[in-house]
Amino acid sequence: MPSAFPENADLITRDLFPGVIANVCAGEHLTLSRVHFEPHGVVEWHSHPHEQVGVMVSGKARFEIGDEVRILSSGDIYRIPGGILHKVSAIDGPAIAFDVFFPARPEYLVPQT
């Protein structure tokens, strides 16, 4: 069984998009990712069947979720239903967000080569 207290070295690192990297930890039923945006990093339009909720930790980002658009900063929370198109763009510098996915995203747990 994995440690109840994973170290950064235990996390899977995923290059999601150019300028956007995630550190991933998962349980049996959900996935947590710490997403690092370089200045002007963009998560391009996409959708997935997983429900996603998250919180901005630092920086600012423009969230486009379905037909809603909002600029979020530290402490702001978002939710993205499964199957909804969405896009996120860092604004004015680096940003960090935490995402939680349900159900778990097993493809995030396979190290990239």
C-alpha atoms as a PDB file:
ATOM      1  CA  MET A   1       0.000   0.000   0.000  1.00  0.00           C
ATOM      2  CA  PRO A   2       1.377   3.470  -0.843  1.00  0.00           C
ATOM      3  CA  SER A   3       2.338   5.783   1.986  1.00  0.00           C
ATOM      4  CA  ALA A   4      -0.415   7.841   3.585  1.00  0.00           C
ATOM      5  CA  PHE A   5       1.976  10.805   3.319  1.00  0.00           C
ATOM      6  CA  PRO A   6       3.472  10.881  -0.186  1.00  0.00           C
ATOM      7  CA  GLU A   7       6.543  13.017  -0.740  1.00  0.00           C
ATOM      8  CA  ASN A   8       6.911  15.176  -3.857  1.00  0.00           C
ATOM      9  CA  ALA A   9       9.247  12.524  -5.274  1.00  0.00           C
ATOM     10  CA  ASP A  10       6.412   9.960  -4.991  1.00  0.00           C
ATOM     11  CA  LEU A  11       4.068  11.974  -7.204  1.00  0.00           C
ATOM     12  CA  ILE A  12       3.659  11.355 -10.928  1.00  0.00           C
ATOM     13  CA  THR A  13       4.633  14.391 -13.025  1.00  0.00           C
ATOM     14  CA  ARG A  14       2.589  14.964 -16.195  1.00  0.00           C
ATOM     15  CA  ASP A  15       3.213  17.504 -18.945  1.00  0.00           C
ATOM     16  CA  LEU A  16      -0.401  18.384 -19.706  1.00  0.00           C
ATOM     17  CA  PHE A  17       0.157  21.160 -22.265  1.00  0.00           C
ATOM     18  CA  PRO A  18       3.145  23.367 -23.133  1.00  0.00           C
ATOM     19  CA  GLY A  19       3.809  25.445 -20.026  1.00  0.00           C
ATOM     20  CA  VAL A  20       1.426  23.382 -17.863  1.00  0.00           C
ATOM     21  CA  ILE A  21       2.707  20.599 -15.582  1.00  0.00           C
ATOM     22  CA  ALA A  22       0.774  18.536 -13.017  1.00  0.00           C
ATOM     23  CA  ASN A  23       1.982  16.578  -9.991  1.00  0.00           C
ATOM     24  CA  VAL A  24      -0.518  13.768  -9.438  1.00  0.00           C
ATOM     25  CA  CYS A  25      -1.579  11.709  -6.440  1.00  0.00           C
ATOM     26  CA  ALA A  26      -4.527   9.303  -6.495  1.00  0.00           C
ATOM     27  CA  GLY A  27      -6.663   7.277  -4.185  1.00  0.00           C
ATOM     28  CA  GLU A  28      -8.871   4.393  -5.157  1.00  0.00           C
ATOM     29  CA  HIS A  29     -11.750   6.601  -6.327  1.00  0.00           C
ATOM     30  CA  LEU A  30     -10.351  10.086  -7.006  1.00  0.00           C
ATOM     31  CA  THR A  31      -7.316  11.885  -8.370  1.00  0.00           C
ATOM     32  CA  LEU A  32      -5.663  15.040  -7.018  1.00  0.00           C
ATOM     33  CA  SER A  33      -3.356  17.118  -9.175  1.00  0.00           C
ATOM     34  CA  ARG A  34      -1.291  20.192  -8.340  1.00  0.00           C
ATOM     35  CA  VAL A  35      -1.146  22.110 -11.612  1.00  0.00           C
ATOM     36  CA  HIS A  36       1.708  24.536 -12.287  1.00  0.00           C
ATOM     37  CA  PHE A  37       1.153  27.126 -15.025  1.00  0.00           C
ATOM     38  CA  GLU A  38       4.136  28.972 -16.436  1.00  0.00           C
ATOM     39  CA  PRO A  39       3.402  32.589 -17.390  1.00  0.00           C
ATOM     40  CA  HIS A  40       0.786  32.457 -20.164  1.00  0.00           C
ATOM     41  CA  GLY A  41       0.534  28.641 -19.939  1.00  0.00           C
ATOM     42  CA  VAL A  42      -2.731  27.372 -21.421  1.00  0.00           C
ATOM     43  CA  VAL A  43      -4.810  24.244 -20.899  1.00  0.00           C
ATOM     44  CA  GLU A  44      -6.446  24.145 -24.327  1.00  0.00           C
ATOM     45  CA  TRP A  45     -10.144  23.401 -24.928  1.00  0.00           C
ATOM     46  CA  HIS A  46     -10.955  19.847 -23.908  1.00  0.00           C
ATOM     47  CA  SER A  47     -13.471  17.743 -22.028  1.00  0.00           C
ATOM     48  CA  HIS A  48     -13.389  14.484 -20.106  1.00  0.00           C
ATOM     49  CA  PRO A  49     -16.026  12.312 -18.444  1.00  0.00           C
ATOM     50  CA  HIS A  50     -14.621  13.030 -14.970  1.00  0.00           C
ATOM     51  CA  GLU A  51     -16.207  15.533 -12.619  1.00  0.00           C
ATOM     52  CA  GLN A  52     -13.594  18.133 -11.640  1.00  0.00           C
ATOM     53  CA  VAL A  53     -13.470  20.643  -8.801  1.00  0.00           C
ATOM     54  CA  GLY A  54     -10.536  22.801  -7.856  1.00  0.00           C
ATOM     55  CA  VAL A  55      -9.101  25.828  -6.149  1.00  0.00           C
ATOM     56  CA  MET A  56      -6.606  28.440  -7.264  1.00  0.00           C
ATOM     57  CA  VAL A  57      -3.637  28.495  -4.893  1.00  0.00           C
ATOM     58  CA  SER A  58      -1.618  31.334  -6.397  1.00  0.00           C
ATOM     59  CA  GLY A  59      -1.539  33.591  -9.418  1.00  0.00           C
ATOM     60  CA  LYS A  60      -4.472  34.368 -11.689  1.00  0.00           C
ATOM     61  CA  ALA A  61      -6.079  32.394 -14.494  1.00  0.00           C
ATOM     62  CA  ARG A  62      -8.911  32.852 -16.973  1.00  0.00           C
ATOM     63  CA  PHE A  63     -11.351  29.928 -16.784  1.00  0.00           C
ATOM     64  CA  GLU A  64     -13.705  29.243 -19.670  1.00  0.00           C
ATOM     65  CA  ILE A  65     -16.167  26.534 -18.643  1.00  0.00           C
ATOM     66  CA  GLY A  66     -18.958  25.894 -21.115  1.00  0.00           C
ATOM     67  CA  ASP A  67     -20.347  29.362 -21.821  1.00  0.00           C
ATOM     68  CA  GLU A  68     -19.103  30.922 -18.546  1.00  0.00           C
ATOM     69  CA  VAL A  69     -15.871  32.932 -18.277  1.00  0.00           C
ATOM     70  CA  ARG A  70     -14.249  34.186 -15.097  1.00  0.00           C
ATOM     71  CA  ILE A  71     -10.835  35.376 -13.897  1.00  0.00           C
ATOM     72  CA  LEU A  72      -9.900  33.468 -10.732  1.00  0.00           C
ATOM     73  CA  SER A  73      -7.162  34.131  -8.181  1.00  0.00           C
ATOM     74  CA  SER A  74      -5.906  32.621  -4.932  1.00  0.00           C
ATOM     75  CA  GLY A  75      -8.702  30.995  -2.933  1.00  0.00           C
ATOM     76  CA  ASP A  76     -11.281  30.977  -5.743  1.00  0.00           C
ATOM     77  CA  ILE A  77     -13.040  27.649  -6.370  1.00  0.00           C
ATOM     78  CA  TYR A  78     -14.351  26.169  -9.615  1.00  0.00           C
ATOM     79  CA  ARG A  79     -16.295  23.097 -10.676  1.00  0.00           C
ATOM     80  CA  ILE A  80     -16.473  21.454 -14.066  1.00  0.00           C
ATOM     81  CA  PRO A  81     -19.107  18.787 -14.724  1.00  0.00           C
ATOM     82  CA  GLY A  82     -18.015  15.767 -16.752  1.00  0.00           C
ATOM     83  CA  GLY A  83     -18.336  16.205 -20.513  1.00  0.00           C
ATOM     84  CA  ILE A  84     -18.201  20.043 -20.480  1.00  0.00           C
ATOM     85  CA  LEU A  85     -15.667  21.804 -22.725  1.00  0.00           C
ATOM     86  CA  HIS A  86     -13.256  23.994 -20.775  1.00  0.00           C
ATOM     87  CA  LYS A  87     -10.032  25.988 -21.156  1.00  0.00           C
ATOM     88  CA  VAL A  88      -7.707  27.658 -18.608  1.00  0.00           C
ATOM     89  CA  SER A  89      -5.099  30.359 -19.300  1.00  0.00           C
ATOM     90  CA  ALA A  90      -2.595  31.767 -16.793  1.00  0.00           C
ATOM     91  CA  ILE A  91      -2.592  35.567 -16.592  1.00  0.00           C
ATOM     92  CA  ASP A  92       0.270  37.929 -15.698  1.00  0.00           C
ATOM     93  CA  GLY A  93       2.711  35.314 -14.452  1.00  0.00           C
ATOM     94  CA  PRO A  94       2.863  31.811 -13.032  1.00  0.00           C
ATOM     95  CA  ALA A  95      -0.112  30.218 -11.281  1.00  0.00           C
ATOM     96  CA  ILE A  96      -0.879  27.081  -9.254  1.00  0.00           C
ATOM     97  CA  ALA A  97      -4.197  25.282  -8.899  1.00  0.00           C
ATOM     98  CA  PHE A  98      -5.308  22.068  -7.221  1.00  0.00           C
ATOM     99  CA  ASP A  99      -7.746  19.838  -9.132  1.00  0.00           C
ATOM    100  CA  VAL A 100      -9.742  16.887  -7.815  1.00  0.00           C
ATOM    101  CA  PHE A 101     -11.238  14.416 -10.301  1.00  0.00           C
ATOM    102  CA  PHE A 102     -13.928  11.817  -9.728  1.00  0.00           C
ATOM    103  CA  PRO A 103     -13.758   9.062 -10.660  1.00  0.00           C
ATOM    104  CA  ALA A 104      -9.996   8.563 -10.564  1.00  0.00           C
ATOM    105  CA  ARG A 105      -8.024   9.225 -13.759  1.00  0.00           C
ATOM    106  CA  PRO A 106      -5.850   6.122 -14.180  1.00  0.00           C
ATOM    107  CA  GLU A 107      -4.176   7.603 -17.285  1.00  0.00           C
ATOM    108  CA  TYR A 108      -2.635  10.262 -15.011  1.00  0.00           C
ATOM    109  CA  LEU A 109      -0.842   7.559 -13.019  1.00  0.00           C
ATOM    110  CA  VAL A 110       1.172   6.183 -15.928  1.00  0.00           C
ATOM    111  CA  PRO A 111       4.570   7.923 -16.024  1.00  0.00           C
ATOM    112  CA  GLN A 112       5.287   9.705 -19.293  1.00  0.00           C
ATOM    113  CA  THR A 113       8.276   8.612 -21.314  1.00  0.00           C
END
